[in-house]
PDB file of N, CA and C in Angstrom:
ATOM      1  N   MET A   1       0.850  -1.113  -0.018  1.00  0.00           N
ATOM      2  CA  MET A   1      -0.074   0.016   0.004  1.00  0.00           C
ATOM      3  C   MET A   1       0.924   1.196  -0.049  1.00  0.00           C
ATOM      4  N   ASP A   2       0.776   2.075  -0.945  1.00  0.00           N
ATOM      5  CA  ASP A   2       1.505   3.331  -1.045  1.00  0.00           C
ATOM      6  C   ASP A   2       0.793   4.320  -0.270  1.00  0.00           C
ATOM      7  N   THR A   3       1.580   5.279   0.180  1.00  0.00           N
ATOM      8  CA  THR A   3       1.048   6.404   0.920  1.00  0.00           C
ATOM      9  C   THR A   3       1.134   7.697  -0.012  1.00  0.00           C
ATOM     10  N   VAL A   4       0.037   8.324  -0.209  1.00  0.00           N
ATOM     11  CA  VAL A   4       0.008   9.440  -1.087  1.00  0.00           C
ATOM     12  C   VAL A   4      -0.072  10.724  -0.232  1.00  0.00           C
ATOM     13  N   GLU A   5       0.901  11.633  -0.424  1.00  0.00           N
ATOM     14  CA  GLU A   5       1.008  12.861   0.276  1.00  0.00           C
ATOM     15  C   GLU A   5       0.118  13.944  -0.349  1.00  0.00           C
ATOM     16  N   LEU A   6      -0.839  14.517   0.322  1.00  0.00           N
ATOM     17  CA  LEU A   6      -1.851  15.411  -0.287  1.00  0.00           C
ATOM     18  C   LEU A   6      -1.672  16.854   0.332  1.00  0.00           C
ATOM     19  N   PRO A   7      -1.978  17.856  -0.500  1.00  0.00           N
ATOM     20  CA  PRO A   7      -2.064  19.224   0.101  1.00  0.00           C
ATOM     21  C   PRO A   7      -3.211  19.386   0.969  1.00  0.00           C
ATOM     22  N   GLY A   8      -3.364  20.471   1.639  1.00  0.00           N
ATOM     23  CA  GLY A   8      -4.582  20.797   2.479  1.00  0.00           C
ATOM     24  C   GLY A   8      -5.769  20.909   1.677  1.00  0.00           C
ATOM     25  N   CYS A   9      -6.933  20.963   2.462  1.00  0.00           N
ATOM     26  CA  CYS A   9      -8.247  21.097   1.839  1.00  0.00           C
ATOM     27  C   CYS A   9      -8.479  22.485   1.184  1.00  0.00           C
ATOM     28  N   PRO A  10      -9.296  22.528   0.168  1.00  0.00           N
ATOM     29  CA  PRO A  10     -10.172  21.532  -0.321  1.00  0.00           C
ATOM     30  C   PRO A  10      -9.440  20.610  -1.348  1.00  0.00           C
ATOM     31  N   ASN A  11      -8.309  20.914  -1.897  1.00  0.00           N
ATOM     32  CA  ASN A  11      -7.665  20.196  -2.976  1.00  0.00           C
ATOM     33  C   ASN A  11      -7.312  18.795  -2.543  1.00  0.00           C
ATOM     34  N   GLY A  12      -6.869  18.675  -1.242  1.00  0.00           N
ATOM     35  CA  GLY A  12      -6.483  17.324  -0.690  1.00  0.00           C
ATOM     36  C   GLY A  12      -7.556  16.337  -0.738  1.00  0.00           C
ATOM     37  N   SER A  13      -8.691  16.744  -0.327  1.00  0.00           N
ATOM     38  CA  SER A  13      -9.878  15.792  -0.301  1.00  0.00           C
ATOM     39  C   SER A  13     -10.293  15.432  -1.691  1.00  0.00           C
ATOM     40  N   LEU A  14     -10.307  16.310  -2.533  1.00  0.00           N
ATOM     41  CA  LEU A  14     -10.733  16.191  -3.917  1.00  0.00           C
ATOM     42  C   LEU A  14      -9.783  15.140  -4.608  1.00  0.00           C
ATOM     43  N   LEU A  15      -8.432  15.330  -4.346  1.00  0.00           N
ATOM     44  CA  LEU A  15      -7.440  14.472  -4.897  1.00  0.00           C
ATOM     45  C   LEU A  15      -7.595  13.039  -4.355  1.00  0.00           C
ATOM     46  N   ALA A  16      -7.808  12.911  -3.145  1.00  0.00           N
ATOM     47  CA  ALA A  16      -8.030  11.520  -2.523  1.00  0.00           C
ATOM     48  C   ALA A  16      -9.280  10.814  -3.076  1.00  0.00           C
ATOM     49  N   ALA A  17     -10.366  11.602  -3.241  1.00  0.00           N
ATOM     50  CA  ALA A  17     -11.602  11.015  -3.813  1.00  0.00           C
ATOM     51  C   ALA A  17     -11.339  10.553  -5.287  1.00  0.00           C
ATOM     52  N   SER A  18     -10.587  11.398  -6.029  1.00  0.00           N
ATOM     53  CA  SER A  18     -10.279  11.180  -7.422  1.00  0.00           C
ATOM     54  C   SER A  18      -9.459   9.903  -7.506  1.00  0.00           C
ATOM     55  N   TYR A  19      -8.405   9.856  -6.639  1.00  0.00           N
ATOM     56  CA  TYR A  19      -7.556   8.636  -6.614  1.00  0.00           C
ATOM     57  C   TYR A  19      -8.334   7.344  -6.335  1.00  0.00           C
ATOM     58  N   LEU A  20      -9.191   7.353  -5.335  1.00  0.00           N
ATOM     59  CA  LEU A  20      -9.996   6.174  -5.062  1.00  0.00           C
ATOM     60  C   LEU A  20     -11.015   5.807  -6.125  1.00  0.00           C
ATOM     61  N   LEU A  21     -11.634   6.790  -6.743  1.00  0.00           N
ATOM     62  CA  LEU A  21     -12.612   6.498  -7.833  1.00  0.00           C
ATOM     63  C   LEU A  21     -11.927   5.979  -9.006  1.00  0.00           C
ATOM     64  N   SER A  22     -10.773   6.509  -9.379  1.00  0.00           N
ATOM     65  CA  SER A  22     -10.133   6.062 -10.682  1.00  0.00           C
ATOM     66  C   SER A  22      -9.428   4.723 -10.455  1.00  0.00           C
ATOM     67  N   ARG A  23      -8.795   4.495  -9.274  1.00  0.00           N
ATOM     68  CA  ARG A  23      -7.985   3.283  -9.166  1.00  0.00           C
ATOM     69  C   ARG A  23      -8.717   2.099  -8.460  1.00  0.00           C
ATOM     70  N   ARG A  24      -9.661   2.493  -7.588  1.00  0.00           N
ATOM     71  CA  ARG A  24     -10.439   1.478  -6.803  1.00  0.00           C
ATOM     72  C   ARG A  24      -9.464   0.498  -6.036  1.00  0.00           C
ATOM     73  N   PRO A  25      -8.483   0.952  -5.315  1.00  0.00           N
ATOM     74  CA  PRO A  25      -7.629   0.079  -4.590  1.00  0.00           C
ATOM     75  C   PRO A  25      -8.419  -0.545  -3.408  1.00  0.00           C
ATOM     76  N   HIS A  26      -7.897  -1.650  -2.960  1.00  0.00           N
ATOM     77  CA  HIS A  26      -8.556  -2.311  -1.682  1.00  0.00           C
ATOM     78  C   HIS A  26      -8.123  -1.475  -0.595  1.00  0.00           C
ATOM     79  N   LYS A  27      -6.882  -0.990  -0.480  1.00  0.00           N
ATOM     80  CA  LYS A  27      -6.406  -0.107   0.616  1.00  0.00           C
ATOM     81  C   LYS A  27      -5.608   1.041   0.057  1.00  0.00           C
ATOM     82  N   ALA A  28      -5.690   2.172   0.714  1.00  0.00           N
ATOM     83  CA  ALA A  28      -4.930   3.325   0.338  1.00  0.00           C
ATOM     84  C   ALA A  28      -4.652   4.108   1.598  1.00  0.00           C
ATOM     85  N   ALA A  29      -3.528   4.906   1.576  1.00  0.00           N
ATOM     86  CA  ALA A  29      -3.218   5.763   2.678  1.00  0.00           C
ATOM     87  C   ALA A  29      -2.899   7.101   2.119  1.00  0.00           C
ATOM     88  N   PHE A  30      -3.334   8.186   2.937  1.00  0.00           N
ATOM     89  CA  PHE A  30      -3.094   9.586   2.467  1.00  0.00           C
ATOM     90  C   PHE A  30      -2.533  10.237   3.682  1.00  0.00           C
ATOM     91  N   LEU A  31      -1.503  11.046   3.467  1.00  0.00           N
ATOM     92  CA  LEU A  31      -0.923  11.905   4.463  1.00  0.00           C
ATOM     93  C   LEU A  31      -1.340  13.333   4.253  1.00  0.00           C
ATOM     94  N   VAL A  32      -2.033  13.912   5.152  1.00  0.00           N
ATOM     95  CA  VAL A  32      -2.557  15.205   4.954  1.00  0.00           C
ATOM     96  C   VAL A  32      -2.079  16.085   6.052  1.00  0.00           C
ATOM     97  N   PRO A  33      -2.017  17.431   5.766  1.00  0.00           N
ATOM     98  CA  PRO A  33      -1.442  18.388   6.665  1.00  0.00           C
ATOM     99  C   PRO A  33      -2.407  19.061   7.617  1.00  0.00           C
ATOM    100  N   ASP A  34      -3.684  18.902   7.477  1.00  0.00           N
ATOM    101  CA  ASP A  34      -4.536  19.614   8.311  1.00  0.00           C
ATOM    102  C   ASP A  34      -5.782  18.864   8.793  1.00  0.00           C
ATOM    103  N   ARG A  35      -6.299  19.246   9.876  1.00  0.00           N
ATOM    104  CA  ARG A  35      -7.530  18.625  10.471  1.00  0.00           C
ATOM    105  C   ARG A  35      -8.704  18.823   9.645  1.00  0.00           C
ATOM    106  N   ASP A  36      -8.950  19.822   8.997  1.00  0.00           N
ATOM    107  CA  ASP A  36     -10.032  20.111   8.093  1.00  0.00           C
ATOM    108  C   ASP A  36     -10.078  19.035   7.067  1.00  0.00           C
ATOM    109  N   CYS A  37      -9.064  18.623   6.461  1.00  0.00           N
ATOM    110  CA  CYS A  37      -8.971  17.702   5.371  1.00  0.00           C
ATOM    111  C   CYS A  37      -9.311  16.294   5.999  1.00  0.00           C
ATOM    112  N   VAL A  38      -8.863  15.997   7.279  1.00  0.00           N
ATOM    113  CA  VAL A  38      -9.154  14.728   7.943  1.00  0.00           C
ATOM    114  C   VAL A  38     -10.733  14.630   8.040  1.00  0.00           C
ATOM    115  N   ALA A  39     -11.329  15.767   8.552  1.00  0.00           N
ATOM    116  CA  ALA A  39     -12.731  15.803   8.835  1.00  0.00           C
ATOM    117  C   ALA A  39     -13.538  15.523   7.550  1.00  0.00           C
ATOM    118  N   VAL A  40     -13.180  16.136   6.438  1.00  0.00           N
ATOM    119  CA  VAL A  40     -13.770  15.914   5.150  1.00  0.00           C
ATOM    120  C   VAL A  40     -13.650  14.401   4.738  1.00  0.00           C
ATOM    121  N   LEU A  41     -12.421  13.922   4.807  1.00  0.00           N
ATOM    122  CA  LEU A  41     -12.212  12.531   4.421  1.00  0.00           C
ATOM    123  C   LEU A  41     -12.943  11.560   5.236  1.00  0.00           C
ATOM    124  N   LYS A  42     -13.086  11.767   6.548  1.00  0.00           N
ATOM    125  CA  LYS A  42     -13.895  10.899   7.364  1.00  0.00           C
ATOM    126  C   LYS A  42     -15.364  10.889   6.989  1.00  0.00           C
ATOM    127  N   TYR A  43     -15.831  11.935   6.373  1.00  0.00           N
ATOM    128  CA  TYR A  43     -17.229  12.034   5.953  1.00  0.00           C
ATOM    129  C   TYR A  43     -17.360  11.425   4.570  1.00  0.00           C
ATOM    130  N   VAL A  44     -16.438  11.687   3.608  1.00  0.00           N
ATOM    131  CA  VAL A  44     -16.530  11.382   2.213  1.00  0.00           C
ATOM    132  C   VAL A  44     -16.158   9.858   1.972  1.00  0.00           C
ATOM    133  N   LEU A  45     -15.134   9.415   2.486  1.00  0.00           N
ATOM    134  CA  LEU A  45     -14.610   8.073   2.185  1.00  0.00           C
ATOM    135  C   LEU A  45     -15.648   6.900   2.426  1.00  0.00           C
ATOM    136  N   PRO A  46     -16.438   7.034   3.537  1.00  0.00           N
ATOM    137  CA  PRO A  46     -17.502   5.946   3.737  1.00  0.00           C
ATOM    138  C   PRO A  46     -18.556   6.032   2.609  1.00  0.00           C
ATOM    139  N   LEU A  47     -18.769   7.195   2.028  1.00  0.00           N
ATOM    140  CA  LEU A  47     -19.808   7.359   1.004  1.00  0.00           C
ATOM    141  C   LEU A  47     -19.271   6.689  -0.327  1.00  0.00           C
ATOM    142  N   LEU A  48     -17.901   6.580  -0.401  1.00  0.00           N
ATOM    143  CA  LEU A  48     -17.305   5.900  -1.575  1.00  0.00           C
ATOM    144  C   LEU A  48     -17.014   4.493  -1.334  1.00  0.00           C
ATOM    145  N   GLY A  49     -17.422   3.908  -0.226  1.00  0.00           N
ATOM    146  CA  GLY A  49     -17.306   2.479   0.117  1.00  0.00           C
ATOM    147  C   GLY A  49     -16.057   2.088   0.877  1.00  0.00           C
ATOM    148  N   TYR A  50     -15.421   2.975   1.599  1.00  0.00           N
ATOM    149  CA  TYR A  50     -14.247   2.842   2.358  1.00  0.00           C
ATOM    150  C   TYR A  50     -14.425   3.037   3.841  1.00  0.00           C
ATOM    151  N   SER A  51     -13.822   2.182   4.708  1.00  0.00           N
ATOM    152  CA  SER A  51     -13.758   2.482   6.120  1.00  0.00           C
ATOM    153  C   SER A  51     -12.497   3.353   6.352  1.00  0.00           C
ATOM    154  N   VAL A  52     -12.515   4.089   7.406  1.00  0.00           N
ATOM    155  CA  VAL A  52     -11.501   5.065   7.608  1.00  0.00           C
ATOM    156  C   VAL A  52     -10.800   4.924   8.911  1.00  0.00           C
ATOM    157  N   ARG A  53      -9.438   4.961   9.024  1.00  0.00           N
ATOM    158  CA  ARG A  53      -8.754   4.979  10.255  1.00  0.00           C
ATOM    159  C   ARG A  53      -7.697   6.149  10.186  1.00  0.00           C
ATOM    160  N   VAL A  54      -7.725   6.873  11.268  1.00  0.00           N
ATOM    161  CA  VAL A  54      -6.806   8.137  11.332  1.00  0.00           C
ATOM    162  C   VAL A  54      -5.764   7.994  12.350  1.00  0.00           C
ATOM    163  N   GLU A  55      -4.601   8.482  12.065  1.00  0.00           N
ATOM    164  CA  GLU A  55      -3.484   8.431  13.000  1.00  0.00           C
ATOM    165  C   GLU A  55      -2.711   9.705  12.895  1.00  0.00           C
ATOM    166  N   GLU A  56      -2.397  10.444  14.010  1.00  0.00           N
ATOM    167  CA  GLU A  56      -1.526  11.652  13.910  1.00  0.00           C
ATOM    168  C   GLU A  56      -0.105  11.286  13.843  1.00  0.00           C
ATOM    169  N   ARG A  57       0.609  11.926  12.937  1.00  0.00           N
ATOM    170  CA  ARG A  57       2.029  11.617  12.733  1.00  0.00           C
ATOM    171  C   ARG A  57       2.840  12.978  12.633  1.00  0.00           C
ATOM    172  N   GLY A  58       3.417  13.419  13.706  1.00  0.00           N
ATOM    173  CA  GLY A  58       4.226  14.509  13.741  1.00  0.00           C
ATOM    174  C   GLY A  58       3.712  15.743  13.021  1.00  0.00           C
ATOM    175  N   GLY A  59       2.526  16.203  13.349  1.00  0.00           N
ATOM    176  CA  GLY A  59       1.977  17.469  12.875  1.00  0.00           C
ATOM    177  C   GLY A  59       1.151  17.202  11.599  1.00  0.00           C
ATOM    178  N   ALA A  60       1.143  15.984  11.093  1.00  0.00           N
ATOM    179  CA  ALA A  60       0.369  15.627   9.905  1.00  0.00           C
ATOM    180  C   ALA A  60      -0.573  14.468  10.388  1.00  0.00           C
ATOM    181  N   TRP A  61      -1.451  14.013   9.479  1.00  0.00           N
ATOM    182  CA  TRP A  61      -2.367  12.971   9.776  1.00  0.00           C
ATOM    183  C   TRP A  61      -2.296  11.985   8.707  1.00  0.00           C
ATOM    184  N   LEU A  62      -2.261  10.647   9.148  1.00  0.00           N
ATOM    185  CA  LEU A  62      -2.294   9.614   8.182  1.00  0.00           C
ATOM    186  C   LEU A  62      -3.716   9.014   8.135  1.00  0.00           C
ATOM    187  N   VAL A  63      -4.363   9.094   6.964  1.00  0.00           N
ATOM    188  CA  VAL A  63      -5.695   8.571   6.799  1.00  0.00           C
ATOM    189  C   VAL A  63      -5.636   7.347   6.002  1.00  0.00           C
ATOM    190  N   GLU A  64      -6.058   6.141   6.545  1.00  0.00           N
ATOM    191  CA  GLU A  64      -6.021   4.934   5.876  1.00  0.00           C
ATOM    192  C   GLU A  64      -7.404   4.524   5.510  1.00  0.00           C
ATOM    193  N   ALA A  65      -7.595   4.190   4.228  1.00  0.00           N
ATOM    194  CA  ALA A  65      -8.874   3.858   3.744  1.00  0.00           C
ATOM    195  C   ALA A  65      -8.820   2.366   3.355  1.00  0.00           C
ATOM    196  N   SER A  66      -9.841   1.566   3.696  1.00  0.00           N
ATOM    197  CA  SER A  66      -9.911   0.174   3.367  1.00  0.00           C
ATOM    198  C   SER A  66     -11.285  -0.057   2.713  1.00  0.00           C
ATOM    199  N   ALA A  67     -11.373  -0.769   1.657  1.00  0.00           N
ATOM    200  CA  ALA A  67     -12.588  -1.088   1.029  1.00  0.00           C
ATOM    201  C   ALA A  67     -13.485  -1.912   1.928  1.00  0.00           C
ATOM    202  N   VAL A  68     -14.751  -1.566   1.955  1.00  0.00           N
ATOM    203  CA  VAL A  68     -15.741  -2.372   2.778  1.00  0.00           C
ATOM    204  C   VAL A  68     -16.246  -3.434   1.901  1.00  0.00           C
ATOM    205  N   GLU A  69     -16.187  -4.668   2.437  1.00  0.00           N
ATOM    206  CA  GLU A  69     -16.690  -5.748   1.692  1.00  0.00           C
ATOM    207  C   GLU A  69     -18.264  -5.780   1.682  1.00  0.00           C
ATOM    208  N   LYS A  70     -18.793  -6.018   0.513  1.00  0.00           N
ATOM    209  CA  LYS A  70     -20.189  -6.006   0.344  1.00  0.00           C
ATOM    210  C   LYS A  70     -20.803  -7.418   0.561  1.00  0.00           C
ATOM    211  N   ALA A  71     -21.847  -7.436   1.293  1.00  0.00           N
ATOM    212  CA  ALA A  71     -22.420  -8.730   1.653  1.00  0.00           C
ATOM    213  C   ALA A  71     -23.290  -9.318   0.430  1.00  0.00           C
TER     214      ALA A  71
END
């Protein structure tokens, strides 16, 4: 799983959504510089079919997205 470094919002969340929609990876990780982008991703990624896990890393945040299995 690669980690994609993103700019702050709104561009960061748009790039993350675009990445997931175009590639449809099972897992992806995004390094974002601000809490606003984390908040947006925590809202948007489940709508795209991904569960979200967030971890703070030295002033930035690592947002991990995992595809939700459909029953």
